[in-house]
Amino acid sequence: MDTLTALHTRVSFPRLSEPAPNEDQLEAIFQAALRAPDHAMLRPWRFLTIAGEQRNQLGQLLVAAAKQANPQITDAEQNKLLQAPLRAPLLVAVICSPKFHAKVPELEQLLSTAAAVQNMLLAAYALGVGAMWRTGLISYHEHVQQGLGLSNTEKLLGFIYMGQPVGQPKSIMPLDTKDYFQPWQG
């Protein structure tokens, strides 16, 4: 798939199944992340791959964090969190790991990490791999961040779910660029 086609047609795939991307696909997807815009080449990111039994462990970590946030969490809510990591054969935890730099504020480093995610999503789509970036309040909970081994300065920006797309891609509504781009009037 050529670059413009991927850029113009990429969609998220919320329903994913086995198999996970193979080693060659993952290498291509991960290499794409490393080409994100990165002021001063700080590489302000790191990623954790979560597969197999680790997905169940992540589900338990999510439930423990949710119980801390809300001791009255229902069994149904707990079950939903337990099952969440099982919605794809592979998850990639996205971590912004900012570095001190006099000319590159943390905000730019967060944006760079988000650009790395976008590159991964585009690369996955171009390779026929289904992918979706999932976040949510539980992703930002301190217990989840500690359980994944983040330092005090790092931030979890969610998870990329990857696998084989299930069903047809959702149709995308064409947008008029004039609604979003206007000449500056000075």
Protein backbone atom coordinates (compact mmCIF):
# COMPACT_ATOMS: atom_id res chain seq x y z
CA MET A 1 0.00 0.00 0.00
CA ASP A 2 1.41 3.40 -0.89
CA THR A 3 1.84 6.08 1.76
CA LEU A 4 -0.97 8.41 0.70
CA THR A 5 -3.47 5.56 0.48
CA ALA A 6 -2.56 4.50 4.02
CA LEU A 7 -2.81 8.08 5.26
CA HIS A 8 -6.17 8.68 3.57
CA THR A 9 -7.86 5.38 4.42
CA ARG A 10 -6.47 4.18 7.78
CA VAL A 11 -9.08 3.19 10.33
CA SER A 12 -8.89 1.62 13.76
CA PHE A 13 -9.98 -1.99 14.16
CA PRO A 14 -11.69 -2.47 17.54
CA ARG A 15 -12.23 -6.22 16.96
CA LEU A 16 -9.04 -8.23 16.60
CA SER A 17 -8.15 -11.91 16.71
CA GLU A 18 -5.18 -14.23 16.32
CA PRO A 19 -2.63 -14.21 14.89
CA ALA A 20 -0.52 -11.43 16.27
CA PRO A 21 1.78 -9.70 13.79
CA ASN A 22 4.77 -11.85 12.88
CA GLU A 23 8.37 -10.86 13.65
CA ASP A 24 8.96 -9.19 10.28
CA GLN A 25 5.74 -7.19 10.55
CA LEU A 26 6.58 -6.14 14.11
CA GLU A 27 10.06 -5.06 13.10
CA ALA A 28 8.62 -2.89 10.31
CA ILE A 29 5.99 -1.42 12.65
CA PHE A 30 8.55 -0.72 15.39
CA GLN A 31 11.01 0.82 12.91
CA ALA A 32 8.23 3.17 11.77
CA ALA A 33 7.82 4.36 15.37
CA LEU A 34 11.49 5.24 15.56
CA ARG A 35 11.14 7.62 12.59
CA ALA A 36 8.68 9.92 14.35
CA PRO A 37 9.52 13.63 14.56
CA ASP A 38 11.87 13.94 17.50
CA HIS A 39 13.37 17.35 18.34
CA ALA A 40 17.02 16.89 19.40
CA MET A 41 16.71 13.13 18.81
CA LEU A 42 15.91 12.47 22.45
CA ARG A 43 13.95 9.26 21.76
CA PRO A 44 11.50 10.18 24.56
CA TRP A 45 9.60 6.92 24.39
CA ARG A 46 9.71 3.28 25.22
CA PHE A 47 7.28 0.48 24.59
CA LEU A 48 6.38 -2.79 26.32
CA THR A 49 4.95 -5.71 24.36
CA ILE A 50 2.29 -7.72 26.17
CA ALA A 51 1.17 -11.10 24.82
CA GLY A 52 0.03 -14.52 25.99
CA GLU A 53 -0.42 -14.96 29.74
CA GLN A 54 0.90 -11.43 30.33
CA ARG A 55 -2.45 -10.14 29.02
CA ASN A 56 -4.22 -11.87 31.95
CA GLN A 57 -1.70 -10.33 34.35
CA LEU A 58 -2.40 -6.92 32.84
CA GLY A 59 -6.13 -7.48 33.32
CA GLN A 60 -5.54 -8.25 37.01
CA LEU A 61 -3.41 -5.09 37.29
CA LEU A 62 -6.25 -3.04 35.77
CA VAL A 63 -8.76 -4.51 38.23
CA ALA A 64 -6.49 -3.80 41.21
CA ALA A 65 -6.14 -0.17 40.08
CA ALA A 66 -9.89 0.16 39.56
CA LYS A 67 -10.55 -1.21 43.07
CA GLN A 68 -8.21 1.44 44.48
CA ALA A 69 -10.05 4.14 42.54
CA ASN A 70 -13.50 2.77 43.42
CA PRO A 71 -13.82 0.16 46.18
CA GLN A 72 -17.48 -0.37 45.16
CA ILE A 73 -16.59 -1.51 41.63
CA THR A 74 -19.09 -4.09 40.40
CA ASP A 75 -18.27 -7.62 39.35
CA ALA A 76 -19.33 -6.74 35.79
CA GLU A 77 -16.94 -3.78 35.72
CA GLN A 78 -14.14 -5.95 37.07
CA ASN A 79 -14.82 -8.63 34.47
CA LYS A 80 -14.76 -6.04 31.69
CA LEU A 81 -11.31 -4.88 32.84
CA LEU A 82 -10.07 -8.48 33.14
CA GLN A 83 -11.19 -9.18 29.57
CA ALA A 84 -9.94 -5.90 28.05
CA PRO A 85 -6.37 -7.06 27.34
CA LEU A 86 -7.71 -10.25 25.74
CA ARG A 87 -9.35 -8.29 22.91
CA ALA A 88 -6.15 -8.65 20.86
CA PRO A 89 -3.29 -11.14 20.72
CA LEU A 90 -0.69 -8.40 21.20
CA LEU A 91 -0.70 -5.14 23.12
CA VAL A 92 2.00 -2.51 23.11
CA ALA A 93 2.13 -0.23 26.14
CA VAL A 94 3.08 3.29 25.03
CA ILE A 95 5.34 5.09 27.49
CA CYS A 96 6.57 8.65 27.21
CA SER A 97 9.95 8.76 28.90
CA PRO A 98 10.89 12.44 28.81
CA LYS A 99 14.50 13.53 28.96
CA PHE A 100 15.65 16.85 30.35
CA HIS A 101 16.64 19.23 27.56
CA ALA A 102 16.86 23.02 27.77
CA LYS A 103 15.28 23.49 24.32
CA VAL A 104 12.80 20.60 24.21
CA PRO A 105 9.97 20.86 26.74
CA GLU A 106 8.14 17.79 27.98
CA LEU A 107 5.09 18.69 25.88
CA GLU A 108 7.11 18.31 22.69
CA GLN A 109 8.32 14.94 23.91
CA LEU A 110 4.73 13.82 24.57
CA LEU A 111 3.83 14.92 21.05
CA SER A 112 6.79 12.99 19.66
CA THR A 113 5.63 9.85 21.46
CA ALA A 114 2.13 10.32 20.01
CA ALA A 115 3.68 10.70 16.56
CA ALA A 116 5.52 7.41 17.10
CA VAL A 117 2.16 5.78 17.85
CA GLN A 118 0.64 7.25 14.69
CA ASN A 119 3.56 5.86 12.68
CA MET A 120 2.97 2.41 14.19
CA LEU A 121 -0.75 2.56 13.41
CA LEU A 122 -0.06 3.58 9.80
CA ALA A 123 2.61 0.91 9.35
CA ALA A 124 0.31 -1.76 10.79
CA TYR A 125 -2.51 -0.68 8.48
CA ALA A 126 -0.21 -0.70 5.43
CA LEU A 127 0.86 -4.26 6.34
CA GLY A 128 -2.72 -5.49 6.78
CA VAL A 129 -2.40 -5.72 10.56
CA GLY A 130 -5.41 -4.51 12.53
CA ALA A 131 -4.56 -2.00 15.22
CA MET A 132 -6.24 0.36 17.65
CA TRP A 133 -4.86 2.83 20.19
CA ARG A 134 -6.82 2.46 23.44
CA THR A 135 -6.59 4.72 26.44
CA GLY A 136 -8.96 5.39 29.31
CA LEU A 137 -8.72 6.70 32.84
CA ILE A 138 -7.44 3.37 34.14
CA SER A 139 -4.39 3.71 31.84
CA TYR A 140 -3.37 6.80 33.77
CA HIS A 141 -3.81 5.29 37.23
CA GLU A 142 -0.64 5.30 39.35
CA HIS A 143 -1.05 1.60 40.25
CA VAL A 144 -1.05 0.60 36.57
CA GLN A 145 1.97 2.75 35.88
CA GLN A 146 3.85 1.24 38.84
CA GLY A 147 2.82 -2.29 37.84
CA LEU A 148 4.29 -1.74 34.39
CA GLY A 149 7.54 -0.46 35.92
CA LEU A 150 7.28 3.20 34.95
CA SER A 151 9.47 5.72 36.72
CA ASN A 152 8.07 8.83 38.42
CA THR A 153 8.81 10.92 35.33
CA GLU A 154 7.28 8.55 32.77
CA LYS A 155 3.69 8.56 31.54
CA LEU A 156 1.63 5.69 30.16
CA LEU A 157 -0.19 6.96 27.07
CA GLY A 158 -2.33 3.88 26.54
CA PHE A 159 -2.02 0.63 24.65
CA ILE A 160 -1.89 -0.27 20.99
CA TYR A 161 -3.92 -3.43 20.37
CA MET A 162 -2.78 -5.47 17.35
CA GLY A 163 -4.00 -8.58 15.60
CA GLN A 164 -5.99 -9.85 12.67
CA PRO A 165 -8.91 -7.52 11.80
CA VAL A 166 -12.33 -9.06 12.40
CA GLY A 167 -15.14 -7.92 10.11
CA GLN A 168 -15.16 -5.13 7.59
CA PRO A 169 -13.44 -1.83 8.30
CA LYS A 170 -15.81 0.92 9.30
CA SER A 171 -16.67 3.31 6.53
CA ILE A 172 -15.03 6.66 6.79
CA MET A 173 -16.91 9.86 6.09
CA PRO A 174 -15.05 12.18 3.74
CA LEU A 175 -14.22 15.49 5.35
CA ASP A 176 -13.89 18.82 3.59
CA THR A 177 -10.45 20.27 4.25
CA LYS A 178 -11.93 23.79 4.01
CA ASP A 179 -13.71 23.11 7.31
CA TYR A 180 -10.36 22.73 9.06
CA PHE A 181 -7.81 24.73 7.05
CA GLN A 182 -8.17 28.45 6.42
CA PRO A 183 -5.70 31.13 5.37
CA TRP A 184 -4.50 33.29 8.22
CA GLN A 185 -5.82 36.83 7.89
CA GLY A 186 -2.98 38.48 9.80
